[in-house]
Amino acid sequence: MMEEDMEVAIKMVVVGNGAVGKSSMIQRYCKDIFTKDYNKTIGVDFLERQIQYVLGVLAFGSDL
């Protein structure tokens, strides 16, 4: 079977009450960091993470 490179973009919106951990969850997933300090996010925050899917195996961030 021939391997083809395919790029797919998935956009996700996280909505919820204040001070519940939305930004912390997103930063943990995208940047692999977590801070206990609370900084109120005003407006919108954009983050990105690339995931490579090859032959049924997921490869995250540092494995690319």
PDB file of N, CA and C in Angstrom:
ATOM      1  N   MET A   1       0.834  -1.175   0.000  1.00  0.00           N
ATOM      2  CA  MET A   1       0.000   0.000   0.000  1.00  0.00           C
ATOM      3  C   MET A   1       0.882   1.243   0.000  1.00  0.00           C
ATOM      4  N   MET A   2       0.574   2.203  -0.818  1.00  0.00           N
ATOM      5  CA  MET A   2       1.359   3.423  -0.951  1.00  0.00           C
ATOM      6  C   MET A   2       0.986   4.425   0.150  1.00  0.00           C
ATOM      7  N   GLU A   3       2.000   5.001   0.787  1.00  0.00           N
ATOM      8  CA  GLU A   3       1.765   5.973   1.849  1.00  0.00           C
ATOM      9  C   GLU A   3       1.615   7.364   1.247  1.00  0.00           C
ATOM     10  N   GLU A   4       0.538   8.060   1.597  1.00  0.00           N
ATOM     11  CA  GLU A   4       0.288   9.398   1.090  1.00  0.00           C
ATOM     12  C   GLU A   4       0.327  10.393   2.238  1.00  0.00           C
ATOM     13  N   ASP A   5       0.923  11.564   1.981  1.00  0.00           N
ATOM     14  CA  ASP A   5       0.900  12.635   2.968  1.00  0.00           C
ATOM     15  C   ASP A   5      -0.400  13.403   2.809  1.00  0.00           C
ATOM     16  N   MET A   6      -1.090  13.571   3.923  1.00  0.00           N
ATOM     17  CA  MET A   6      -2.342  14.298   3.898  1.00  0.00           C
ATOM     18  C   MET A   6      -2.376  15.227   5.102  1.00  0.00           C
ATOM     19  N   GLU A   7      -2.744  16.464   4.875  1.00  0.00           N
ATOM     20  CA  GLU A   7      -2.790  17.435   5.954  1.00  0.00           C
ATOM     21  C   GLU A   7      -4.238  17.826   6.209  1.00  0.00           C
ATOM     22  N   VAL A   8      -4.650  17.736   7.465  1.00  0.00           N
ATOM     23  CA  VAL A   8      -6.009  18.081   7.855  1.00  0.00           C
ATOM     24  C   VAL A   8      -5.932  19.069   9.005  1.00  0.00           C
ATOM     25  N   ALA A   9      -6.708  20.126   8.941  1.00  0.00           N
ATOM     26  CA  ALA A   9      -6.764  21.105  10.025  1.00  0.00           C
ATOM     27  C   ALA A   9      -8.088  20.946  10.757  1.00  0.00           C
ATOM     28  N   ILE A  10      -8.009  20.810  12.058  1.00  0.00           N
ATOM     29  CA  ILE A  10      -9.199  20.718  12.896  1.00  0.00           C
ATOM     30  C   ILE A  10      -9.177  21.915  13.830  1.00  0.00           C
ATOM     31  N   LYS A  11     -10.232  22.703  13.804  1.00  0.00           N
ATOM     32  CA  LYS A  11     -10.330  23.875  14.665  1.00  0.00           C
ATOM     33  C   LYS A  11     -11.296  23.568  15.796  1.00  0.00           C
ATOM     34  N   MET A  12     -10.925  23.996  16.992  1.00  0.00           N
ATOM     35  CA  MET A  12     -11.710  23.678  18.162  1.00  0.00           C
ATOM     36  C   MET A  12     -11.973  24.951  18.959  1.00  0.00           C
ATOM     37  N   VAL A  13     -13.177  25.104  19.460  1.00  0.00           N
ATOM     38  CA  VAL A  13     -13.548  26.237  20.297  1.00  0.00           C
ATOM     39  C   VAL A  13     -13.879  25.703  21.681  1.00  0.00           C
ATOM     40  N   VAL A  14     -13.279  26.305  22.702  1.00  0.00           N
ATOM     41  CA  VAL A  14     -13.545  25.908  24.083  1.00  0.00           C
ATOM     42  C   VAL A  14     -14.264  27.074  24.756  1.00  0.00           C
ATOM     43  N   VAL A  15     -15.471  26.822  25.242  1.00  0.00           N
ATOM     44  CA  VAL A  15     -16.305  27.858  25.844  1.00  0.00           C
ATOM     45  C   VAL A  15     -16.740  27.397  27.225  1.00  0.00           C
ATOM     46  N   GLY A  16     -16.784  28.330  28.174  1.00  0.00           N
ATOM     47  CA  GLY A  16     -17.260  27.974  29.504  1.00  0.00           C
ATOM     48  C   GLY A  16     -17.150  29.137  30.466  1.00  0.00           C
ATOM     49  N   ASN A  17     -17.553  28.901  31.688  1.00  0.00           N
ATOM     50  CA  ASN A  17     -17.487  29.916  32.739  1.00  0.00           C
ATOM     51  C   ASN A  17     -16.051  30.303  33.028  1.00  0.00           C
ATOM     52  N   GLY A  18     -15.883  31.453  33.690  1.00  0.00           N
ATOM     53  CA  GLY A  18     -14.555  31.926  34.052  1.00  0.00           C
ATOM     54  C   GLY A  18     -13.936  31.113  35.172  1.00  0.00           C
ATOM     55  N   ALA A  19     -12.613  31.047  35.180  1.00  0.00           N
ATOM     56  CA  ALA A  19     -11.824  30.414  36.246  1.00  0.00           C
ATOM     57  C   ALA A  19     -12.129  28.930  36.436  1.00  0.00           C
ATOM     58  N   VAL A  20     -12.411  28.220  35.336  1.00  0.00           N
ATOM     59  CA  VAL A  20     -12.665  26.781  35.438  1.00  0.00           C
ATOM     60  C   VAL A  20     -11.553  25.930  34.825  1.00  0.00           C
ATOM     61  N   GLY A  21     -10.568  26.579  34.140  1.00  0.00           N
ATOM     62  CA  GLY A  21      -9.426  25.835  33.630  1.00  0.00           C
ATOM     63  C   GLY A  21      -9.364  25.649  32.129  1.00  0.00           C
ATOM     64  N   LYS A  22     -10.136  26.410  31.373  1.00  0.00           N
ATOM     65  CA  LYS A  22     -10.111  26.269  29.908  1.00  0.00           C
ATOM     66  C   LYS A  22      -8.722  26.558  29.348  1.00  0.00           C
ATOM     67  N   SER A  23      -8.158  27.700  29.703  1.00  0.00           N
ATOM     68  CA  SER A  23      -6.824  28.073  29.201  1.00  0.00           C
ATOM     69  C   SER A  23      -5.755  27.109  29.700  1.00  0.00           C
ATOM     70  N   SER A  24      -5.866  26.675  30.946  1.00  0.00           N
ATOM     71  CA  SER A  24      -4.890  25.726  31.503  1.00  0.00           C
ATOM     72  C   SER A  24      -4.922  24.402  30.754  1.00  0.00           C
ATOM     73  N   MET A  25      -6.122  23.926  30.442  1.00  0.00           N
ATOM     74  CA  MET A  25      -6.268  22.667  29.709  1.00  0.00           C
ATOM     75  C   MET A  25      -5.675  22.788  28.300  1.00  0.00           C
ATOM     76  N   ILE A  26      -5.941  23.902  27.637  1.00  0.00           N
ATOM     77  CA  ILE A  26      -5.438  24.105  26.279  1.00  0.00           C
ATOM     78  C   ILE A  26      -3.918  24.235  26.278  1.00  0.00           C
ATOM     79  N   GLN A  27      -3.361  24.992  27.232  1.00  0.00           N
ATOM     80  CA  GLN A  27      -1.904  25.137  27.308  1.00  0.00           C
ATOM     81  C   GLN A  27      -1.236  23.807  27.638  1.00  0.00           C
ATOM     82  N   ARG A  28      -1.853  23.017  28.492  1.00  0.00           N
ATOM     83  CA  ARG A  28      -1.289  21.704  28.841  1.00  0.00           C
ATOM     84  C   ARG A  28      -1.230  20.809  27.605  1.00  0.00           C
ATOM     85  N   TYR A  29      -2.276  20.824  26.805  1.00  0.00           N
ATOM     86  CA  TYR A  29      -2.320  19.985  25.610  1.00  0.00           C
ATOM     87  C   TYR A  29      -1.388  20.494  24.512  1.00  0.00           C
ATOM     88  N   CYS A  30      -1.396  21.807  24.256  1.00  0.00           N
ATOM     89  CA  CYS A  30      -0.632  22.361  23.129  1.00  0.00           C
ATOM     90  C   CYS A  30       0.834  22.590  23.444  1.00  0.00           C
ATOM     91  N   LYS A  31       1.146  23.046  24.657  1.00  0.00           N
ATOM     92  CA  LYS A  31       2.519  23.410  25.004  1.00  0.00           C
ATOM     93  C   LYS A  31       3.143  22.492  26.046  1.00  0.00           C
ATOM     94  N   ASP A  32       2.354  21.556  26.589  1.00  0.00           N
ATOM     95  CA  ASP A  32       2.806  20.634  27.636  1.00  0.00           C
ATOM     96  C   ASP A  32       3.344  21.379  28.861  1.00  0.00           C
ATOM     97  N   ILE A  33       2.653  22.475  29.234  1.00  0.00           N
ATOM     98  CA  ILE A  33       3.002  23.217  30.450  1.00  0.00           C
ATOM     99  C   ILE A  33       1.753  23.418  31.293  1.00  0.00           C
ATOM    100  N   PHE A  34       1.940  23.593  32.582  1.00  0.00           N
ATOM    101  CA  PHE A  34       0.843  23.914  33.493  1.00  0.00           C
ATOM    102  C   PHE A  34       1.375  24.857  34.555  1.00  0.00           C
ATOM    103  N   THR A  35       0.686  25.971  34.749  1.00  0.00           N
ATOM    104  CA  THR A  35       1.072  26.911  35.793  1.00  0.00           C
ATOM    105  C   THR A  35      -0.066  27.054  36.784  1.00  0.00           C
ATOM    106  N   LYS A  36       0.281  27.191  38.039  1.00  0.00           N
ATOM    107  CA  LYS A  36      -0.721  27.377  39.087  1.00  0.00           C
ATOM    108  C   LYS A  36      -1.186  28.826  39.165  1.00  0.00           C
ATOM    109  N   ASP A  37      -0.426  29.737  38.556  1.00  0.00           N
ATOM    110  CA  ASP A  37      -0.781  31.157  38.582  1.00  0.00           C
ATOM    111  C   ASP A  37      -2.019  31.400  37.727  1.00  0.00           C
ATOM    112  N   TYR A  38      -2.948  32.183  38.267  1.00  0.00           N
ATOM    113  CA  TYR A  38      -4.175  32.492  37.536  1.00  0.00           C
ATOM    114  C   TYR A  38      -4.038  33.835  36.845  1.00  0.00           C
ATOM    115  N   ASN A  39      -4.152  33.845  35.539  1.00  0.00           N
ATOM    116  CA  ASN A  39      -4.182  35.069  34.740  1.00  0.00           C
ATOM    117  C   ASN A  39      -5.457  35.041  33.917  1.00  0.00           C
ATOM    118  N   LYS A  40      -6.324  36.001  34.165  1.00  0.00           N
ATOM    119  CA  LYS A  40      -7.586  36.044  33.444  1.00  0.00           C
ATOM    120  C   LYS A  40      -7.327  36.260  31.953  1.00  0.00           C
ATOM    121  N   THR A  41      -7.910  35.404  31.115  1.00  0.00           N
ATOM    122  CA  THR A  41      -7.788  35.529  29.665  1.00  0.00           C
ATOM    123  C   THR A  41      -8.898  36.452  29.182  1.00  0.00           C
ATOM    124  N   ILE A  42      -8.511  37.515  28.526  1.00  0.00           N
ATOM    125  CA  ILE A  42      -9.496  38.473  28.022  1.00  0.00           C
ATOM    126  C   ILE A  42      -9.629  38.272  26.520  1.00  0.00           C
ATOM    127  N   GLY A  43     -10.834  38.010  26.071  1.00  0.00           N
ATOM    128  CA  GLY A  43     -11.070  37.875  24.634  1.00  0.00           C
ATOM    129  C   GLY A  43     -10.783  36.484  24.127  1.00  0.00           C
ATOM    130  N   VAL A  44      -9.771  36.373  23.270  1.00  0.00           N
ATOM    131  CA  VAL A  44      -9.509  35.130  22.552  1.00  0.00           C
ATOM    132  C   VAL A  44      -8.041  34.761  22.669  1.00  0.00           C
ATOM    133  N   ASP A  45      -7.760  33.473  22.719  1.00  0.00           N
ATOM    134  CA  ASP A  45      -6.394  32.974  22.762  1.00  0.00           C
ATOM    135  C   ASP A  45      -6.268  31.888  21.692  1.00  0.00           C
ATOM    136  N   PHE A  46      -5.240  31.965  20.862  1.00  0.00           N
ATOM    137  CA  PHE A  46      -5.037  30.989  19.792  1.00  0.00           C
ATOM    138  C   PHE A  46      -3.781  30.176  20.069  1.00  0.00           C
ATOM    139  N   LEU A  47      -3.898  28.860  20.012  1.00  0.00           N
ATOM    140  CA  LEU A  47      -2.750  27.970  20.149  1.00  0.00           C
ATOM    141  C   LEU A  47      -2.850  26.900  19.069  1.00  0.00           C
ATOM    142  N   GLU A  48      -1.722  26.268  18.772  1.00  0.00           N
ATOM    143  CA  GLU A  48      -1.674  25.266  17.710  1.00  0.00           C
ATOM    144  C   GLU A  48      -0.833  24.081  18.152  1.00  0.00           C
ATOM    145  N   ARG A  49      -1.238  22.896  17.705  1.00  0.00           N
ATOM    146  CA  ARG A  49      -0.451  21.692  17.944  1.00  0.00           C
ATOM    147  C   ARG A  49      -0.529  20.817  16.702  1.00  0.00           C
ATOM    148  N   GLN A  50       0.611  20.292  16.291  1.00  0.00           N
ATOM    149  CA  GLN A  50       0.645  19.414  15.125  1.00  0.00           C
ATOM    150  C   GLN A  50       0.717  17.965  15.593  1.00  0.00           C
ATOM    151  N   ILE A  51      -0.094  17.135  14.972  1.00  0.00           N
ATOM    152  CA  ILE A  51      -0.115  15.703  15.266  1.00  0.00           C
ATOM    153  C   ILE A  51       0.068  14.969  13.948  1.00  0.00           C
ATOM    154  N   GLN A  52       0.956  13.987  13.940  1.00  0.00           N
ATOM    155  CA  GLN A  52       1.200  13.198  12.735  1.00  0.00           C
ATOM    156  C   GLN A  52       0.611  11.808  12.947  1.00  0.00           C
ATOM    157  N   TYR A  53      -0.187  11.355  12.001  1.00  0.00           N
ATOM    158  CA  TYR A  53      -0.828  10.048  12.058  1.00  0.00           C
ATOM    159  C   TYR A  53      -0.254   9.185  10.943  1.00  0.00           C
ATOM    160  N   VAL A  54       0.457   8.116  11.319  1.00  0.00           N
ATOM    161  CA  VAL A  54       1.095   7.249  10.328  1.00  0.00           C
ATOM    162  C   VAL A  54       0.802   5.791  10.671  1.00  0.00           C
ATOM    163  N   LEU A  55       0.230   5.061   9.733  1.00  0.00           N
ATOM    164  CA  LEU A  55      -0.009   3.612   9.866  1.00  0.00           C
ATOM    165  C   LEU A  55      -0.649   3.222  11.193  1.00  0.00           C
ATOM    166  N   GLY A  56      -1.669   3.962  11.595  1.00  0.00           N
ATOM    167  CA  GLY A  56      -2.403   3.623  12.804  1.00  0.00           C
ATOM    168  C   GLY A  56      -1.711   4.013  14.092  1.00  0.00           C
ATOM    169  N   VAL A  57      -0.643   4.803  14.025  1.00  0.00           N
ATOM    170  CA  VAL A  57       0.087   5.222  15.221  1.00  0.00           C
ATOM    171  C   VAL A  57       0.095   6.745  15.278  1.00  0.00           C
ATOM    172  N   LEU A  58      -0.253   7.304  16.437  1.00  0.00           N
ATOM    173  CA  LEU A  58      -0.213   8.755  16.608  1.00  0.00           C
ATOM    174  C   LEU A  58       1.152   9.176  17.117  1.00  0.00           C
ATOM    175  N   ALA A  59       1.711  10.233  16.550  1.00  0.00           N
ATOM    176  CA  ALA A  59       2.981  10.794  17.012  1.00  0.00           C
ATOM    177  C   ALA A  59       2.728  12.241  17.410  1.00  0.00           C
ATOM    178  N   PHE A  60       2.995  12.581  18.668  1.00  0.00           N
ATOM    179  CA  PHE A  60       2.724  13.920  19.177  1.00  0.00           C
ATOM    180  C   PHE A  60       3.978  14.772  19.178  1.00  0.00           C
ATOM    181  N   GLY A  61       3.782  16.104  19.158  1.00  0.00           N
ATOM    182  CA  GLY A  61       4.788  17.151  19.241  1.00  0.00           C
ATOM    183  C   GLY A  61       6.241  16.767  19.095  1.00  0.00           C
ATOM    184  N   SER A  62       6.882  16.323  20.173  1.00  0.00           N
ATOM    185  CA  SER A  62       8.325  16.076  20.154  1.00  0.00           C
ATOM    186  C   SER A  62       8.700  14.835  19.344  1.00  0.00           C
ATOM    187  N   ASP A  63       7.723  13.987  19.018  1.00  0.00           N
ATOM    188  CA  ASP A  63       8.004  12.770  18.254  1.00  0.00           C
ATOM    189  C   ASP A  63       8.008  13.007  16.749  1.00  0.00           C
ATOM    190  N   LEU A  64       7.660  14.235  16.304  1.00  0.00           N
ATOM    191  CA  LEU A  64       7.572  14.508  14.865  1.00  0.00           C
ATOM    192  C   LEU A  64       8.921  14.575  14.226  1.00  0.00           C
TER     193      LEU A  64
END
